[in-house]
Amino acid sequence: MIRLRMVRQSRGLTQIHLCRMTGISPADISAIELGVRPAYPGWRRRIADALAQVSREQLDIRGVKRAYG
């Protein structure tokens, strides 16, 4: 999950944003990103859902801008 930082940043999220979206503590998100702590299956699912939600929202926003802007 060391790639998590790159993916999170590419979605424009801070660790705090991701924490609020997933309910995972900032210390745990940081530890996952650093490879110090494993991402448990439930955490992986919550992180994936949060990142997917942001991707869908970004696509919706981009689609609106293209269509109307």
N, C-alpha and C. Protein backbone atom coordinates (compact mmCIF):
# COMPACT_ATOMS: atom_id res chain seq x y z
N MET A 1 0.81 -1.21 0.00
CA MET A 1 0.00 0.00 0.00
C MET A 1 0.86 1.27 0.00
N ILE A 2 2.13 1.13 -0.24
CA ILE A 2 2.98 2.31 -0.31
C ILE A 2 2.51 3.21 -1.46
N ARG A 3 1.94 2.60 -2.50
CA ARG A 3 1.39 3.36 -3.62
C ARG A 3 0.22 4.24 -3.22
N LEU A 4 -0.34 3.97 -2.07
CA LEU A 4 -1.51 4.72 -1.61
C LEU A 4 -1.26 6.22 -1.64
N ARG A 5 -0.09 6.65 -1.21
CA ARG A 5 0.19 8.09 -1.19
C ARG A 5 0.08 8.69 -2.59
N MET A 6 0.66 8.02 -3.58
CA MET A 6 0.61 8.54 -4.95
C MET A 6 -0.82 8.61 -5.45
N VAL A 7 -1.58 7.57 -5.20
CA VAL A 7 -2.97 7.54 -5.67
C VAL A 7 -3.78 8.60 -4.95
N ARG A 8 -3.62 8.68 -3.64
CA ARG A 8 -4.36 9.67 -2.84
C ARG A 8 -4.06 11.08 -3.35
N GLN A 9 -2.78 11.38 -3.56
CA GLN A 9 -2.40 12.71 -4.01
C GLN A 9 -2.90 12.98 -5.43
N SER A 10 -2.91 11.96 -6.27
CA SER A 10 -3.40 12.15 -7.64
C SER A 10 -4.89 12.47 -7.66
N ARG A 11 -5.60 12.06 -6.61
CA ARG A 11 -7.03 12.36 -6.50
C ARG A 11 -7.26 13.71 -5.80
N GLY A 12 -6.17 14.37 -5.38
CA GLY A 12 -6.29 15.66 -4.74
C GLY A 12 -6.70 15.58 -3.28
N LEU A 13 -6.45 14.44 -2.64
CA LEU A 13 -6.84 14.26 -1.24
C LEU A 13 -5.65 14.40 -0.31
N THR A 14 -5.90 14.97 0.84
CA THR A 14 -4.91 14.96 1.92
C THR A 14 -5.17 13.71 2.77
N GLN A 15 -4.24 13.41 3.66
CA GLN A 15 -4.46 12.30 4.57
C GLN A 15 -5.71 12.54 5.42
N ILE A 16 -5.89 13.78 5.83
CA ILE A 16 -7.06 14.12 6.66
C ILE A 16 -8.35 13.87 5.89
N HIS A 17 -8.41 14.27 4.62
CA HIS A 17 -9.60 14.00 3.82
C HIS A 17 -9.88 12.50 3.77
N LEU A 18 -8.83 11.72 3.49
CA LEU A 18 -9.00 10.27 3.39
C LEU A 18 -9.44 9.68 4.73
N CYS A 19 -8.90 10.21 5.81
CA CYS A 19 -9.29 9.74 7.15
C CYS A 19 -10.77 9.99 7.39
N ARG A 20 -11.23 11.16 7.03
CA ARG A 20 -12.65 11.50 7.24
C ARG A 20 -13.55 10.63 6.38
N MET A 21 -13.10 10.31 5.18
CA MET A 21 -13.92 9.50 4.28
C MET A 21 -13.96 8.03 4.69
N THR A 22 -12.91 7.56 5.35
CA THR A 22 -12.81 6.13 5.65
C THR A 22 -13.02 5.79 7.11
N GLY A 23 -12.84 6.76 8.00
CA GLY A 23 -12.92 6.48 9.42
C GLY A 23 -11.65 5.84 9.97
N ILE A 24 -10.59 5.86 9.18
CA ILE A 24 -9.29 5.32 9.60
C ILE A 24 -8.47 6.48 10.14
N SER A 25 -7.79 6.28 11.25
CA SER A 25 -7.07 7.38 11.90
C SER A 25 -5.92 7.89 11.02
N PRO A 26 -5.57 9.17 11.20
CA PRO A 26 -4.44 9.73 10.44
C PRO A 26 -3.14 8.95 10.67
N ALA A 27 -2.92 8.51 11.89
CA ALA A 27 -1.70 7.75 12.19
C ALA A 27 -1.69 6.44 11.41
N ASP A 28 -2.84 5.80 11.30
CA ASP A 28 -2.91 4.53 10.56
C ASP A 28 -2.74 4.76 9.06
N ILE A 29 -3.35 5.80 8.52
CA ILE A 29 -3.16 6.11 7.09
C ILE A 29 -1.69 6.36 6.81
N SER A 30 -1.04 7.14 7.65
CA SER A 30 0.38 7.43 7.48
C SER A 30 1.21 6.15 7.55
N ALA A 31 0.92 5.30 8.52
CA ALA A 31 1.66 4.05 8.67
C ALA A 31 1.47 3.13 7.47
N ILE A 32 0.26 3.10 6.92
CA ILE A 32 0.00 2.30 5.72
C ILE A 32 0.82 2.84 4.55
N GLU A 33 0.80 4.16 4.38
CA GLU A 33 1.54 4.77 3.28
C GLU A 33 3.04 4.52 3.40
N LEU A 34 3.54 4.49 4.60
CA LEU A 34 4.97 4.26 4.82
C LEU A 34 5.35 2.78 4.78
N GLY A 35 4.36 1.92 4.73
CA GLY A 35 4.62 0.49 4.72
C GLY A 35 4.94 -0.09 6.08
N VAL A 36 4.65 0.68 7.13
CA VAL A 36 4.93 0.25 8.50
C VAL A 36 3.81 -0.65 9.03
N ARG A 37 2.61 -0.41 8.59
CA ARG A 37 1.44 -1.17 9.06
C ARG A 37 0.71 -1.71 7.84
N PRO A 38 0.26 -2.94 7.93
CA PRO A 38 -0.51 -3.48 6.80
C PRO A 38 -1.90 -2.86 6.75
N ALA A 39 -2.44 -2.80 5.57
CA ALA A 39 -3.82 -2.36 5.41
C ALA A 39 -4.70 -3.60 5.54
N TYR A 40 -5.43 -3.69 6.61
CA TYR A 40 -6.31 -4.82 6.84
C TYR A 40 -7.39 -4.87 5.76
N PRO A 41 -7.96 -6.03 5.49
CA PRO A 41 -8.94 -6.14 4.41
C PRO A 41 -10.09 -5.12 4.49
N GLY A 42 -10.63 -4.91 5.67
CA GLY A 42 -11.70 -3.91 5.81
C GLY A 42 -11.23 -2.50 5.50
N TRP A 43 -10.01 -2.20 5.91
CA TRP A 43 -9.43 -0.88 5.60
C TRP A 43 -9.21 -0.73 4.11
N ARG A 44 -8.68 -1.77 3.47
CA ARG A 44 -8.44 -1.70 2.02
C ARG A 44 -9.74 -1.42 1.29
N ARG A 45 -10.80 -2.09 1.71
CA ARG A 45 -12.10 -1.89 1.08
C ARG A 45 -12.58 -0.45 1.26
N ARG A 46 -12.45 0.09 2.49
CA ARG A 46 -12.90 1.46 2.74
C ARG A 46 -12.06 2.47 1.98
N ILE A 47 -10.76 2.24 1.89
CA ILE A 47 -9.88 3.14 1.14
C ILE A 47 -10.23 3.08 -0.35
N ALA A 48 -10.39 1.88 -0.88
CA ALA A 48 -10.74 1.73 -2.30
C ALA A 48 -12.07 2.40 -2.61
N ASP A 49 -13.05 2.24 -1.74
CA ASP A 49 -14.35 2.87 -1.95
C ASP A 49 -14.22 4.39 -1.95
N ALA A 50 -13.44 4.93 -1.03
CA ALA A 50 -13.26 6.39 -0.94
C ALA A 50 -12.55 6.92 -2.19
N LEU A 51 -11.51 6.23 -2.62
CA LEU A 51 -10.77 6.68 -3.81
C LEU A 51 -11.63 6.56 -5.06
N ALA A 52 -12.42 5.51 -5.14
CA ALA A 52 -13.32 5.34 -6.29
C ALA A 52 -14.38 6.43 -6.32
N GLN A 53 -14.90 6.79 -5.14
CA GLN A 53 -15.90 7.85 -5.06
C GLN A 53 -15.32 9.16 -5.58
N VAL A 54 -14.10 9.47 -5.19
CA VAL A 54 -13.46 10.71 -5.64
C VAL A 54 -13.26 10.66 -7.14
N SER A 55 -12.85 9.52 -7.67
CA SER A 55 -12.66 9.39 -9.12
C SER A 55 -13.96 9.62 -9.86
N ARG A 56 -15.05 9.03 -9.37
CA ARG A 56 -16.35 9.22 -10.02
C ARG A 56 -16.76 10.69 -9.99
N GLU A 57 -16.54 11.35 -8.85
CA GLU A 57 -16.89 12.76 -8.75
C GLU A 57 -16.04 13.60 -9.68
N GLN A 58 -14.75 13.29 -9.80
CA GLN A 58 -13.88 14.03 -10.71
C GLN A 58 -14.32 13.85 -12.15
N LEU A 59 -14.72 12.64 -12.51
CA LEU A 59 -15.20 12.40 -13.87
C LEU A 59 -16.48 13.17 -14.13
N ASP A 60 -17.38 13.21 -13.17
CA ASP A 60 -18.62 13.96 -13.33
C ASP A 60 -18.33 15.44 -13.52
N ILE A 61 -17.43 15.99 -12.73
CA ILE A 61 -17.08 17.41 -12.82
C ILE A 61 -16.43 17.70 -14.17
N ARG A 62 -15.51 16.85 -14.59
CA ARG A 62 -14.84 17.06 -15.88
C ARG A 62 -15.84 16.97 -17.02
N GLY A 63 -16.78 16.05 -16.93
CA GLY A 63 -17.78 15.91 -17.96
C GLY A 63 -18.66 17.15 -18.07
N VAL A 64 -19.01 17.73 -16.95
CA VAL A 64 -19.82 18.95 -16.94
C VAL A 64 -19.02 20.09 -17.54
N LYS A 65 -17.77 20.22 -17.17
CA LYS A 65 -16.95 21.31 -17.71
C LYS A 65 -16.80 21.18 -19.22
N ARG A 66 -16.61 19.97 -19.72
CA ARG A 66 -16.46 19.77 -21.16
C ARG A 66 -17.76 20.09 -21.88
N ALA A 67 -18.86 19.66 -21.30
CA ALA A 67 -20.13 19.85 -21.96
C ALA A 67 -20.59 21.30 -21.96
N TYR A 68 -20.27 22.03 -20.89
CA TYR A 68 -20.78 23.39 -20.75
C TYR A 68 -19.72 24.46 -20.75
N GLY A 69 -18.47 24.08 -20.71
CA GLY A 69 -17.44 25.10 -20.59
C GLY A 69 -16.55 25.08 -21.72
